[in-house]
């Protein structure tokens, strides 16, 4: 069995990051079955552990904080991302014994899942592929347009431990101009290439949708594709999430 967990929007990104890590650990320990988790975003910049070791990282944190974006360390790989109320995250989490797929197979699975959900919305213009000088660059981005001048709609990354795997990412529905503004400063502080026009959204690509519409499409796809059963998160999980999330926050 696979659970479908659709969370409400958290009051802070700290709780949201703690929530993902808590659910991941529950699946890893066998306390929860494999899950598709979908979570509306709260304003923040997410960085990787590799980013925290870059020259200029302290300046990147100051730049993000100055624009009202707290900075948290992501458990997955990739590069820095920015999120706000026009975005949401999703992840497909399985215990290690169920994770027979390789890295590329998991990327393909997540990409197929995203494109199928988009088609439920009547949006079929997206494809898999990197965009020039994009945030969190990767071959398995979901883009609209070409490599050279296109824009990123979804960033996909993985987390792999001895006990569990997760593949998922951030879906940009609206608010791309604001996200590009903060990412431009963050990437500049770390002397990394970045093209503001590479930050896209479904709205910018012509889809007349709200975040709730896209979340519903992702949930419906999870139910049909995996037989995922809607489940409640539980107050104990939320309490643990708040505690765990504090470890992710980069304090000024």
Protein backbone atom coordinates (compact mmCIF):
# COMPACT_ATOMS: atom_id res chain seq x y z
CA UNK A 1 0.00 0.00 0.00
CA UNK A 2 1.07 3.58 -0.63
CA UNK A 3 -0.24 6.57 1.29
CA UNK A 4 -1.17 9.93 -0.16
CA UNK A 5 -0.29 12.77 2.20
CA UNK A 6 -1.56 16.20 1.17
CA UNK A 7 -0.55 18.65 3.87
CA UNK A 8 -2.00 22.05 4.56
CA UNK A 9 0.29 25.04 4.17
CA UNK A 10 2.58 25.22 7.19
CA UNK A 11 2.92 28.37 9.24
CA UNK A 12 6.67 28.41 8.59
CA UNK A 13 9.18 26.74 6.26
CA UNK A 14 10.90 25.36 9.36
CA UNK A 15 7.87 23.19 10.10
CA UNK A 16 7.56 22.22 6.42
CA UNK A 17 11.18 21.05 6.22
CA UNK A 18 10.82 19.18 9.48
CA UNK A 19 7.64 17.57 8.15
CA UNK A 20 9.39 16.15 5.08
CA UNK A 21 12.26 14.78 7.17
CA UNK A 22 9.85 13.30 9.71
CA UNK A 23 7.76 11.52 7.07
CA UNK A 24 10.93 10.29 5.36
CA UNK A 25 12.17 8.79 8.64
CA UNK A 26 8.76 7.23 9.33
CA UNK A 27 8.86 5.48 5.95
CA UNK A 28 12.50 4.47 6.48
CA UNK A 29 11.75 2.91 9.87
CA UNK A 30 8.61 1.12 8.71
CA UNK A 31 6.36 3.25 10.92
CA UNK A 32 4.60 4.51 7.79
CA UNK A 33 4.12 2.78 4.40
CA UNK A 34 5.59 4.23 1.18
CA UNK A 35 4.07 7.63 0.51
CA UNK A 36 3.47 10.34 -2.03
CA UNK A 37 3.72 13.59 -0.11
CA UNK A 38 2.43 16.92 -1.47
CA UNK A 39 3.03 20.12 0.49
CA UNK A 40 2.18 23.76 -0.33
CA UNK A 41 5.25 25.98 0.04
CA UNK A 42 6.00 28.70 2.54
CA UNK A 43 8.44 31.47 1.57
CA UNK A 44 12.07 30.36 1.85
CA UNK A 45 15.32 29.64 0.05
CA UNK A 46 16.44 26.02 0.18
CA UNK A 47 20.15 25.24 -0.13
CA UNK A 48 22.18 22.03 -0.19
CA UNK A 49 24.95 21.03 2.16
CA UNK A 50 27.35 21.63 -0.72
CA UNK A 51 26.09 25.22 -0.98
CA UNK A 52 26.86 25.81 2.70
CA UNK A 53 30.55 25.16 1.97
CA UNK A 54 30.77 27.59 -0.94
CA UNK A 55 32.68 30.82 -0.74
CA UNK A 56 30.10 33.57 -0.56
CA UNK A 57 27.47 31.45 1.19
CA UNK A 58 27.22 33.85 4.13
CA UNK A 59 26.52 36.65 1.67
CA UNK A 60 23.86 34.53 -0.02
CA UNK A 61 22.12 34.03 3.33
CA UNK A 62 22.22 37.76 4.04
CA UNK A 63 20.82 38.51 0.57
CA UNK A 64 17.94 36.07 1.00
CA UNK A 65 17.15 37.20 4.54
CA UNK A 66 17.20 40.81 3.39
CA UNK A 67 14.39 40.03 0.98
CA UNK A 68 12.38 38.22 3.65
CA UNK A 69 13.40 34.67 2.72
CA UNK A 70 14.69 32.42 5.52
CA UNK A 71 17.34 29.95 4.38
CA UNK A 72 17.08 26.23 5.17
CA UNK A 73 19.29 23.27 4.29
CA UNK A 74 17.62 20.71 2.04
CA UNK A 75 18.10 16.99 2.57
CA UNK A 76 18.25 16.32 -1.18
CA UNK A 77 20.94 17.17 -3.70
CA UNK A 78 20.97 19.71 -6.51
CA UNK A 79 21.34 23.44 -5.94
CA UNK A 80 19.65 26.39 -4.30
CA UNK A 81 15.92 26.87 -4.86
CA UNK A 82 13.41 29.53 -3.84
CA UNK A 83 9.76 28.97 -2.99
CA UNK A 84 6.72 30.97 -1.97
CA UNK A 85 2.95 30.63 -1.94
CA UNK A 86 2.87 30.14 -5.73
CA UNK A 87 4.78 26.87 -5.46
CA UNK A 88 4.47 23.46 -3.82
CA UNK A 89 6.66 20.45 -3.22
CA UNK A 90 6.08 16.76 -3.87
CA UNK A 91 8.03 13.61 -3.10
CA UNK A 92 7.72 9.88 -3.70
CA UNK A 93 9.18 8.14 -0.64
CA UNK A 94 9.94 4.44 -0.37
CA UNK A 95 11.85 2.26 2.10
CA UNK A 96 15.15 0.94 0.77
CA UNK A 97 13.84 -2.59 0.25
CA UNK A 98 11.21 -1.19 -2.12
CA UNK A 99 13.70 1.06 -3.88
CA UNK A 100 14.78 -1.36 -6.58
CA UNK A 101 15.15 1.45 -9.09
CA UNK A 102 18.41 3.17 -9.88
CA UNK A 103 18.96 6.92 -9.76
CA UNK A 104 18.03 7.48 -13.41
CA UNK A 105 14.93 5.31 -13.09
CA UNK A 106 13.71 7.36 -10.13
CA UNK A 107 14.27 10.58 -12.07
CA UNK A 108 12.31 9.13 -14.99
CA UNK A 109 9.52 8.08 -12.65
CA UNK A 110 9.20 11.55 -11.14
CA UNK A 111 9.32 13.22 -14.56
CA UNK A 112 6.61 10.94 -15.94
CA UNK A 113 4.50 11.59 -12.85
CA UNK A 114 4.77 15.38 -13.28
CA UNK A 115 4.00 15.36 -17.00
CA UNK A 116 0.99 13.10 -16.47
CA UNK A 117 -0.35 15.42 -13.76
CA UNK A 118 0.11 18.40 -16.08
CA UNK A 119 -1.89 16.64 -18.78
CA UNK A 120 -4.77 16.29 -16.32
CA UNK A 121 -4.82 20.10 -16.31
CA UNK A 122 -4.88 20.24 -20.11
CA UNK A 123 -1.27 21.45 -20.19
CA UNK A 124 0.95 19.45 -22.54
CA UNK A 125 3.66 21.93 -23.52
CA UNK A 126 6.28 20.78 -20.99
CA UNK A 127 9.17 18.39 -21.54
CA UNK A 128 12.13 16.93 -19.69
CA UNK A 129 15.39 18.81 -20.07
CA UNK A 130 17.80 21.31 -18.58
CA UNK A 131 17.50 25.05 -19.15
CA UNK A 132 20.54 27.25 -19.63
CA UNK A 133 21.78 28.82 -16.39
CA UNK A 134 18.78 27.61 -14.41
CA UNK A 135 18.49 27.32 -10.64
CA UNK A 136 19.26 23.84 -9.28
CA UNK A 137 20.49 22.70 -12.73
CA UNK A 138 19.80 19.15 -13.86
CA UNK A 139 19.05 16.99 -16.88
CA UNK A 140 15.69 16.02 -15.40
CA UNK A 141 14.21 19.46 -14.96
CA UNK A 142 10.76 19.96 -16.44
CA UNK A 143 10.95 22.88 -18.82
CA UNK A 144 8.84 24.91 -21.22
CA UNK A 145 10.74 25.92 -24.33
CA UNK A 146 14.29 25.19 -25.42
CA UNK A 147 17.54 24.70 -23.50
CA UNK A 148 18.84 28.05 -24.69
CA UNK A 149 15.89 30.33 -23.96
CA UNK A 150 13.33 28.19 -22.16
CA UNK A 151 12.16 28.32 -18.56
CA UNK A 152 12.07 25.83 -15.72
CA UNK A 153 8.70 24.71 -14.35
CA UNK A 154 9.78 21.92 -12.01
CA UNK A 155 13.09 21.10 -10.34
CA UNK A 156 13.60 17.44 -9.39
CA UNK A 157 16.09 16.05 -6.88
CA UNK A 158 16.63 12.89 -4.84
CA UNK A 159 17.50 11.86 -1.31
CA UNK A 160 19.06 8.43 -0.86
CA UNK A 161 19.95 6.78 2.45
CA UNK A 162 20.60 3.19 3.47
CA UNK A 163 17.01 2.86 4.65
CA UNK A 164 14.91 4.89 2.20
CA UNK A 165 14.82 6.89 -1.02
CA UNK A 166 12.91 9.96 -2.10
CA UNK A 167 12.51 11.63 -5.46
CA UNK A 168 10.51 14.80 -5.94
CA UNK A 169 10.85 18.51 -6.24
CA UNK A 170 9.33 21.95 -6.45
CA UNK A 171 6.53 22.89 -8.86
CA UNK A 172 6.31 26.54 -9.92
CA UNK A 173 2.73 27.63 -10.54
CA UNK A 174 3.04 31.42 -10.22
CA UNK A 175 5.17 34.18 -8.69
CA UNK A 176 8.21 33.55 -10.87
CA UNK A 177 9.38 37.18 -10.99
CA UNK A 178 9.76 37.40 -7.23
CA UNK A 179 11.55 34.05 -7.09
CA UNK A 180 13.92 35.11 -9.85
CA UNK A 181 14.73 38.29 -7.93
CA UNK A 182 15.84 36.46 -4.80
CA UNK A 183 17.61 33.67 -6.70
CA UNK A 184 19.58 36.19 -8.73
CA UNK A 185 21.05 37.63 -5.54
CA UNK A 186 21.68 34.25 -3.94
CA UNK A 187 23.47 32.81 -6.96
CA UNK A 188 25.47 36.01 -7.51
CA UNK A 189 26.69 35.91 -3.91
CA UNK A 190 28.03 32.39 -4.48
CA UNK A 191 29.45 33.33 -7.92
CA UNK A 192 27.28 30.75 -9.68
CA UNK A 193 25.77 31.19 -13.17
CA UNK A 194 22.10 32.09 -13.19
CA UNK A 195 19.70 33.54 -15.78
CA UNK A 196 16.64 35.16 -14.18
CA UNK A 197 14.52 34.46 -17.27
CA UNK A 198 15.06 30.74 -16.71
CA UNK A 199 12.68 30.85 -13.75
CA UNK A 200 9.30 29.92 -15.15
CA UNK A 201 5.83 29.01 -13.96
CA UNK A 202 2.77 27.28 -15.31
CA UNK A 203 1.02 30.64 -15.41
CA UNK A 204 3.83 32.20 -17.44
CA UNK A 205 3.63 29.20 -19.79
CA UNK A 206 -0.04 29.98 -20.41
CA UNK A 207 -1.82 27.62 -18.01
CA UNK A 208 -4.70 29.32 -16.20
CA UNK A 209 -4.40 27.42 -12.94
CA UNK A 210 -4.05 28.02 -9.22
CA UNK A 211 -1.78 26.12 -6.84
CA UNK A 212 -4.78 24.20 -5.49
CA UNK A 213 -5.69 23.05 -9.02
CA UNK A 214 -2.22 21.64 -9.63
CA UNK A 215 -2.06 19.97 -6.22
CA UNK A 216 -5.39 18.28 -6.96
CA UNK A 217 -4.03 17.03 -10.29
CA UNK A 218 -0.93 15.61 -8.59
CA UNK A 219 -3.07 13.94 -5.94
CA UNK A 220 -5.36 12.42 -8.56
CA UNK A 221 -2.38 11.12 -10.52
CA UNK A 222 -0.90 9.55 -7.37
CA UNK A 223 -4.18 7.78 -6.63
CA UNK A 224 -4.52 6.40 -10.16
CA UNK A 225 -0.85 5.57 -10.77
CA UNK A 226 0.04 4.08 -7.39
CA UNK A 227 -3.31 3.33 -5.83
CA UNK A 228 -2.26 5.81 -3.15
CA UNK A 229 -4.76 6.05 -0.31
CA UNK A 230 -5.40 9.47 1.28
CA UNK A 231 -4.17 9.48 4.88
CA UNK A 232 -4.05 11.92 7.76
CA UNK A 233 -0.72 13.24 8.94
CA UNK A 234 -1.43 13.16 12.67
CA UNK A 235 -0.62 15.67 15.40
CA UNK A 236 2.33 13.67 16.68
CA UNK A 237 3.99 13.92 13.26
CA UNK A 238 3.38 17.67 13.19
CA UNK A 239 4.87 18.13 16.65
CA UNK A 240 7.96 16.18 15.65
CA UNK A 241 8.20 18.19 12.43
CA UNK A 242 8.46 21.47 14.31
CA UNK A 243 11.35 20.14 16.39
CA UNK A 244 13.24 18.55 13.49
CA UNK A 245 12.84 21.60 11.27
CA UNK A 246 14.83 23.83 13.61
CA UNK A 247 17.94 21.84 12.66
CA UNK A 248 17.52 22.90 9.01
CA UNK A 249 17.39 26.65 9.56
CA UNK A 250 20.49 28.75 8.82
CA UNK A 251 20.50 31.52 11.39
CA UNK A 252 21.89 34.95 10.43
